[in-house]
Amino acid sequence: MNRRTMLALFVGPLVAGLALLGTEACAQNGRSGPELLAVAERSFSDIPFGTQEGAPGLTMVVGGQCEKWADCSYIDANDVGHAFWEGELVVKTFLFPNDNDQPTTALGIGTARAMDDVVTRVTRFLPEADLDCRLESDGGHTCGATLGEGWITLRFGRNGRVREARIDAYHFT
């Protein structure tokens, strides 16, 4: 066996071992589910989950029987919807109208609107999240990921354009 072959036999496994250690170190340094939920939540608005209904900076969206059933939603200055359950903020939603390409900070989406672009941006923003997409019966797609006790949901129309980004604090019903 020549020196080059011996060196390759020694260095090859050493490099592979170091690469594996580096990969495991990255995985161990990743953010936890609750940390991912907090980062994702702040991307929608600075009003934290658990805030009591009637928080400053929110305008009530009166519709249907919201006051009768105490099921009102609110909107902030950035058009982020805020929904409360038993007086506590539990859901944030951003709707993407067809005629509006203004950037949003929600989940790092920015100006992306096509499904592939949105999924790429969200994956870049939350690389530790396991984003899963599925075809819906209406021909659109839904993508989602669990983040600790909460989760994110992205809804796309049949044309592949994002319609909604939503984050839930936890299962509240």
C-alpha atoms as a PDB file:
ATOM      1  CA  MET A   1       0.000   0.000   0.000  1.00  0.00           C
ATOM      2  CA  ASN A   2       1.454   3.358  -0.949  1.00  0.00           C
ATOM      3  CA  ARG A   3       1.413   6.501   1.194  1.00  0.00           C
ATOM      4  CA  ARG A   4      -1.396   8.110  -0.801  1.00  0.00           C
ATOM      5  CA  THR A   5      -3.718   5.110  -0.278  1.00  0.00           C
ATOM      6  CA  MET A   6      -2.874   4.968   3.445  1.00  0.00           C
ATOM      7  CA  LEU A   7      -3.540   8.688   3.780  1.00  0.00           C
ATOM      8  CA  ALA A   8      -6.891   8.341   1.983  1.00  0.00           C
ATOM      9  CA  LEU A   9      -7.904   5.453   4.258  1.00  0.00           C
ATOM     10  CA  PHE A  10      -7.078   7.530   7.323  1.00  0.00           C
ATOM     11  CA  VAL A  11      -8.336  10.957   6.230  1.00  0.00           C
ATOM     12  CA  GLY A  12     -11.588   9.794   4.561  1.00  0.00           C
ATOM     13  CA  PRO A  13     -13.218   8.444   7.754  1.00  0.00           C
ATOM     14  CA  LEU A  14     -11.810  11.362   9.747  1.00  0.00           C
ATOM     15  CA  VAL A  15     -13.441  13.921   7.429  1.00  0.00           C
ATOM     16  CA  ALA A  16     -16.723  11.974   7.422  1.00  0.00           C
ATOM     17  CA  GLY A  17     -16.688  11.833  11.232  1.00  0.00           C
ATOM     18  CA  LEU A  18     -16.054  15.563  11.527  1.00  0.00           C
ATOM     19  CA  ALA A  19     -18.881  16.293   9.086  1.00  0.00           C
ATOM     20  CA  LEU A  20     -21.242  14.109  11.123  1.00  0.00           C
ATOM     21  CA  LEU A  21     -20.231  15.866  14.340  1.00  0.00           C
ATOM     22  CA  GLY A  22     -20.853  19.229  12.691  1.00  0.00           C
ATOM     23  CA  THR A  23     -24.310  18.139  11.545  1.00  0.00           C
ATOM     24  CA  GLU A  24     -25.268  16.888  15.007  1.00  0.00           C
ATOM     25  CA  ALA A  25     -23.939  20.059  16.609  1.00  0.00           C
ATOM     26  CA  CYS A  26     -26.136  22.143  14.292  1.00  0.00           C
ATOM     27  CA  ALA A  27     -29.167  20.026  15.139  1.00  0.00           C
ATOM     28  CA  GLN A  28     -28.464  20.363  18.859  1.00  0.00           C
ATOM     29  CA  ASN A  29     -28.128  24.142  18.518  1.00  0.00           C
ATOM     30  CA  GLY A  30     -31.468  24.453  16.667  1.00  0.00           C
ATOM     31  CA  ARG A  31     -34.360  26.334  18.210  1.00  0.00           C
ATOM     32  CA  SER A  32     -36.956  24.422  20.210  1.00  0.00           C
ATOM     33  CA  GLY A  33     -40.639  24.277  19.276  1.00  0.00           C
ATOM     34  CA  PRO A  34     -41.604  27.028  21.745  1.00  0.00           C
ATOM     35  CA  GLU A  35     -38.734  29.217  20.470  1.00  0.00           C
ATOM     36  CA  LEU A  36     -39.874  28.701  16.867  1.00  0.00           C
ATOM     37  CA  LEU A  37     -43.437  29.575  17.867  1.00  0.00           C
ATOM     38  CA  ALA A  38     -42.257  32.817  19.513  1.00  0.00           C
ATOM     39  CA  VAL A  39     -40.195  33.847  16.464  1.00  0.00           C
ATOM     40  CA  ALA A  40     -43.024  33.019  14.055  1.00  0.00           C
ATOM     41  CA  GLU A  41     -45.582  34.818  16.218  1.00  0.00           C
ATOM     42  CA  ARG A  42     -43.538  38.030  16.375  1.00  0.00           C
ATOM     43  CA  SER A  43     -43.273  38.007  12.577  1.00  0.00           C
ATOM     44  CA  PHE A  44     -47.046  38.594  12.429  1.00  0.00           C
ATOM     45  CA  SER A  45     -47.282  41.290  15.132  1.00  0.00           C
ATOM     46  CA  ASP A  46     -45.741  42.472  18.391  1.00  0.00           C
ATOM     47  CA  ILE A  47     -48.931  41.756  20.340  1.00  0.00           C
ATOM     48  CA  PRO A  48     -48.114  38.475  22.131  1.00  0.00           C
ATOM     49  CA  PHE A  49     -50.295  35.405  22.394  1.00  0.00           C
ATOM     50  CA  GLY A  50     -52.171  35.457  25.689  1.00  0.00           C
ATOM     51  CA  THR A  51     -52.882  39.201  25.488  1.00  0.00           C
ATOM     52  CA  GLN A  52     -56.352  40.016  26.760  1.00  0.00           C
ATOM     53  CA  GLU A  53     -59.062  41.117  24.354  1.00  0.00           C
ATOM     54  CA  GLY A  54     -59.262  44.875  23.803  1.00  0.00           C
ATOM     55  CA  ALA A  55     -55.497  45.435  23.543  1.00  0.00           C
ATOM     56  CA  PRO A  56     -54.347  48.851  22.283  1.00  0.00           C
ATOM     57  CA  GLY A  57     -53.513  49.013  18.580  1.00  0.00           C
ATOM     58  CA  LEU A  58     -56.332  46.695  17.510  1.00  0.00           C
ATOM     59  CA  THR A  59     -59.573  47.651  15.769  1.00  0.00           C
ATOM     60  CA  MET A  60     -62.609  45.398  16.157  1.00  0.00           C
ATOM     61  CA  VAL A  61     -63.932  43.911  12.931  1.00  0.00           C
ATOM     62  CA  VAL A  62     -67.652  43.835  13.532  1.00  0.00           C
ATOM     63  CA  GLY A  63     -69.459  41.298  11.418  1.00  0.00           C
ATOM     64  CA  GLY A  64     -72.006  38.563  11.735  1.00  0.00           C
ATOM     65  CA  GLN A  65     -72.914  37.976  15.352  1.00  0.00           C
ATOM     66  CA  CYS A  66     -69.521  38.743  16.804  1.00  0.00           C
ATOM     67  CA  GLU A  67     -70.755  40.687  19.814  1.00  0.00           C
ATOM     68  CA  LYS A  68     -73.628  38.295  20.569  1.00  0.00           C
ATOM     69  CA  TRP A  69     -71.359  35.234  20.556  1.00  0.00           C
ATOM     70  CA  ALA A  70     -68.237  37.028  21.865  1.00  0.00           C
ATOM     71  CA  ASP A  71     -66.400  35.787  18.790  1.00  0.00           C
ATOM     72  CA  CYS A  72     -65.031  39.051  17.442  1.00  0.00           C
ATOM     73  CA  SER A  73     -61.808  39.464  15.530  1.00  0.00           C
ATOM     74  CA  TYR A  74     -59.520  42.459  15.406  1.00  0.00           C
ATOM     75  CA  ILE A  75     -57.096  43.911  12.891  1.00  0.00           C
ATOM     76  CA  ASP A  76     -53.927  45.928  13.438  1.00  0.00           C
ATOM     77  CA  ALA A  77     -52.347  48.705  11.351  1.00  0.00           C
ATOM     78  CA  ASN A  78     -50.528  46.085   9.205  1.00  0.00           C
ATOM     79  CA  ASP A  79     -53.757  44.219   8.326  1.00  0.00           C
ATOM     80  CA  VAL A  80     -52.921  41.278  10.595  1.00  0.00           C
ATOM     81  CA  GLY A  81     -56.051  39.669  12.011  1.00  0.00           C
ATOM     82  CA  HIS A  82     -56.094  38.804  15.714  1.00  0.00           C
ATOM     83  CA  ALA A  83     -58.610  36.289  17.081  1.00  0.00           C
ATOM     84  CA  PHE A  84     -59.395  35.740  20.744  1.00  0.00           C
ATOM     85  CA  TRP A  85     -60.736  32.693  22.545  1.00  0.00           C
ATOM     86  CA  GLU A  86     -62.276  33.247  25.971  1.00  0.00           C
ATOM     87  CA  GLY A  87     -60.753  36.733  26.006  1.00  0.00           C
ATOM     88  CA  GLU A  88     -57.201  35.621  25.155  1.00  0.00           C
ATOM     89  CA  LEU A  89     -55.291  36.134  21.874  1.00  0.00           C
ATOM     90  CA  VAL A  90     -54.787  32.712  20.278  1.00  0.00           C
ATOM     91  CA  VAL A  91     -54.668  33.205  16.468  1.00  0.00           C
ATOM     92  CA  LYS A  92     -53.004  35.664  14.094  1.00  0.00           C
ATOM     93  CA  THR A  93     -53.856  35.719  10.392  1.00  0.00           C
ATOM     94  CA  PHE A  94     -52.638  37.573   7.327  1.00  0.00           C
ATOM     95  CA  LEU A  95     -54.828  37.477   4.204  1.00  0.00           C
ATOM     96  CA  PHE A  96     -53.293  38.077   0.774  1.00  0.00           C
ATOM     97  CA  PRO A  97     -55.742  39.878  -1.526  1.00  0.00           C
ATOM     98  CA  ASN A  98     -55.177  39.211  -5.233  1.00  0.00           C
ATOM     99  CA  ASP A  99     -54.609  42.876  -5.984  1.00  0.00           C
ATOM    100  CA  ASN A 100     -52.082  43.525  -3.198  1.00  0.00           C
ATOM    101  CA  ASP A 101     -48.419  42.595  -3.499  1.00  0.00           C
ATOM    102  CA  GLN A 102     -47.261  44.727  -0.574  1.00  0.00           C
ATOM    103  CA  PRO A 103     -44.598  42.965   1.508  1.00  0.00           C
ATOM    104  CA  THR A 104     -45.492  41.285   4.779  1.00  0.00           C
ATOM    105  CA  THR A 105     -43.200  40.344   7.650  1.00  0.00           C
ATOM    106  CA  ALA A 106     -45.372  37.300   8.448  1.00  0.00           C
ATOM    107  CA  LEU A 107     -43.156  34.190   8.404  1.00  0.00           C
ATOM    108  CA  GLY A 108     -40.561  36.035   6.304  1.00  0.00           C
ATOM    109  CA  ILE A 109     -42.822  35.881   3.224  1.00  0.00           C
ATOM    110  CA  GLY A 110     -42.067  39.430   2.084  1.00  0.00           C
ATOM    111  CA  THR A 111     -43.297  39.938  -1.500  1.00  0.00           C
ATOM    112  CA  ALA A 112     -43.413  36.237  -2.442  1.00  0.00           C
ATOM    113  CA  ARG A 113     -46.853  35.057  -3.570  1.00  0.00           C
ATOM    114  CA  ALA A 114     -46.263  31.902  -5.663  1.00  0.00           C
ATOM    115  CA  MET A 115     -46.343  28.685  -3.629  1.00  0.00           C
ATOM    116  CA  ASP A 116     -42.750  27.612  -4.345  1.00  0.00           C
ATOM    117  CA  ASP A 117     -41.428  31.081  -3.481  1.00  0.00           C
ATOM    118  CA  VAL A 118     -43.504  31.330  -0.288  1.00  0.00           C
ATOM    119  CA  VAL A 119     -42.455  27.858   0.900  1.00  0.00           C
ATOM    120  CA  THR A 120     -38.803  28.731   0.191  1.00  0.00           C
ATOM    121  CA  ARG A 121     -39.065  31.963   2.192  1.00  0.00           C
ATOM    122  CA  VAL A 122     -40.835  30.331   5.138  1.00  0.00           C
ATOM    123  CA  THR A 123     -38.322  27.465   5.168  1.00  0.00           C
ATOM    124  CA  ARG A 124     -35.483  29.982   5.162  1.00  0.00           C
ATOM    125  CA  PHE A 125     -37.152  31.934   8.004  1.00  0.00           C
ATOM    126  CA  LEU A 126     -37.851  28.796  10.102  1.00  0.00           C
ATOM    127  CA  PRO A 127     -35.323  26.187   8.905  1.00  0.00           C
ATOM    128  CA  GLU A 128     -35.982  23.911  11.891  1.00  0.00           C
ATOM    129  CA  ALA A 129     -39.708  23.676  11.125  1.00  0.00           C
ATOM    130  CA  ASP A 130     -40.866  20.580   9.266  1.00  0.00           C
ATOM    131  CA  LEU A 131     -43.159  22.240   6.709  1.00  0.00           C
ATOM    132  CA  ASP A 132     -45.492  19.717   5.086  1.00  0.00           C
ATOM    133  CA  CYS A 133     -47.736  20.519   2.084  1.00  0.00           C
ATOM    134  CA  ARG A 134     -50.750  18.654   0.770  1.00  0.00           C
ATOM    135  CA  LEU A 135     -53.228  19.000  -2.075  1.00  0.00           C
ATOM    136  CA  GLU A 136     -56.754  19.973  -0.991  1.00  0.00           C
ATOM    137  CA  SER A 137     -60.000  18.774  -2.570  1.00  0.00           C
ATOM    138  CA  ASP A 138     -60.602  22.236  -4.095  1.00  0.00           C
ATOM    139  CA  GLY A 139     -57.332  21.998  -6.037  1.00  0.00           C
ATOM    140  CA  GLY A 140     -55.455  24.368  -3.738  1.00  0.00           C
ATOM    141  CA  HIS A 141     -52.722  23.429  -1.297  1.00  0.00           C
ATOM    142  CA  THR A 142     -52.260  23.716   2.449  1.00  0.00           C
ATOM    143  CA  CYS A 143     -48.843  23.732   4.089  1.00  0.00           C
ATOM    144  CA  GLY A 144     -48.226  23.577   7.801  1.00  0.00           C
ATOM    145  CA  ALA A 145     -45.792  22.867  10.585  1.00  0.00           C
ATOM    146  CA  THR A 146     -46.101  22.248  14.307  1.00  0.00           C
ATOM    147  CA  LEU A 147     -44.144  24.678  16.484  1.00  0.00           C
ATOM    148  CA  GLY A 148     -44.247  23.534  20.101  1.00  0.00           C
ATOM    149  CA  GLU A 149     -47.903  23.618  21.208  1.00  0.00           C
ATOM    150  CA  GLY A 150     -48.816  25.838  18.251  1.00  0.00           C
ATOM    151  CA  TRP A 151     -48.594  25.623  14.485  1.00  0.00           C
ATOM    152  CA  ILE A 152     -48.481  27.606  11.276  1.00  0.00           C
ATOM    153  CA  THR A 153     -50.725  27.151   8.253  1.00  0.00           C
ATOM    154  CA  LEU A 154     -50.320  28.476   4.711  1.00  0.00           C
ATOM    155  CA  ARG A 155     -53.232  28.243   2.281  1.00  0.00           C
ATOM    156  CA  PHE A 156     -52.826  28.508  -1.492  1.00  0.00           C
ATOM    157  CA  GLY A 157     -55.457  28.825  -4.211  1.00  0.00           C
ATOM    158  CA  ARG A 158     -55.764  26.560  -7.239  1.00  0.00           C
ATOM    159  CA  ASN A 159     -53.584  29.046  -9.116  1.00  0.00           C
ATOM    160  CA  GLY A 160     -50.735  28.457  -6.637  1.00  0.00           C
ATOM    161  CA  ARG A 161     -50.979  31.950  -5.142  1.00  0.00           C
ATOM    162  CA  VAL A 162     -50.867  32.308  -1.350  1.00  0.00           C
ATOM    163  CA  ARG A 163     -54.233  33.254   0.163  1.00  0.00           C
ATOM    164  CA  GLU A 164     -53.558  33.114   3.896  1.00  0.00           C
ATOM    165  CA  ALA A 165     -50.826  32.743   6.499  1.00  0.00           C
ATOM    166  CA  ARG A 166     -52.003  31.788   9.978  1.00  0.00           C
ATOM    167  CA  ILE A 167     -50.437  30.991  13.326  1.00  0.00           C
ATOM    168  CA  ASP A 168     -52.249  29.310  16.222  1.00  0.00           C
ATOM    169  CA  ALA A 169     -50.918  29.476  19.787  1.00  0.00           C
ATOM    170  CA  TYR A 170     -52.325  26.077  20.769  1.00  0.00           C
ATOM    171  CA  HIS A 171     -55.377  23.870  20.281  1.00  0.00           C
ATOM    172  CA  PHE A 172     -58.061  25.970  21.992  1.00  0.00           C
ATOM    173  CA  THR A 173     -61.414  24.420  21.067  1.00  0.00           C
END
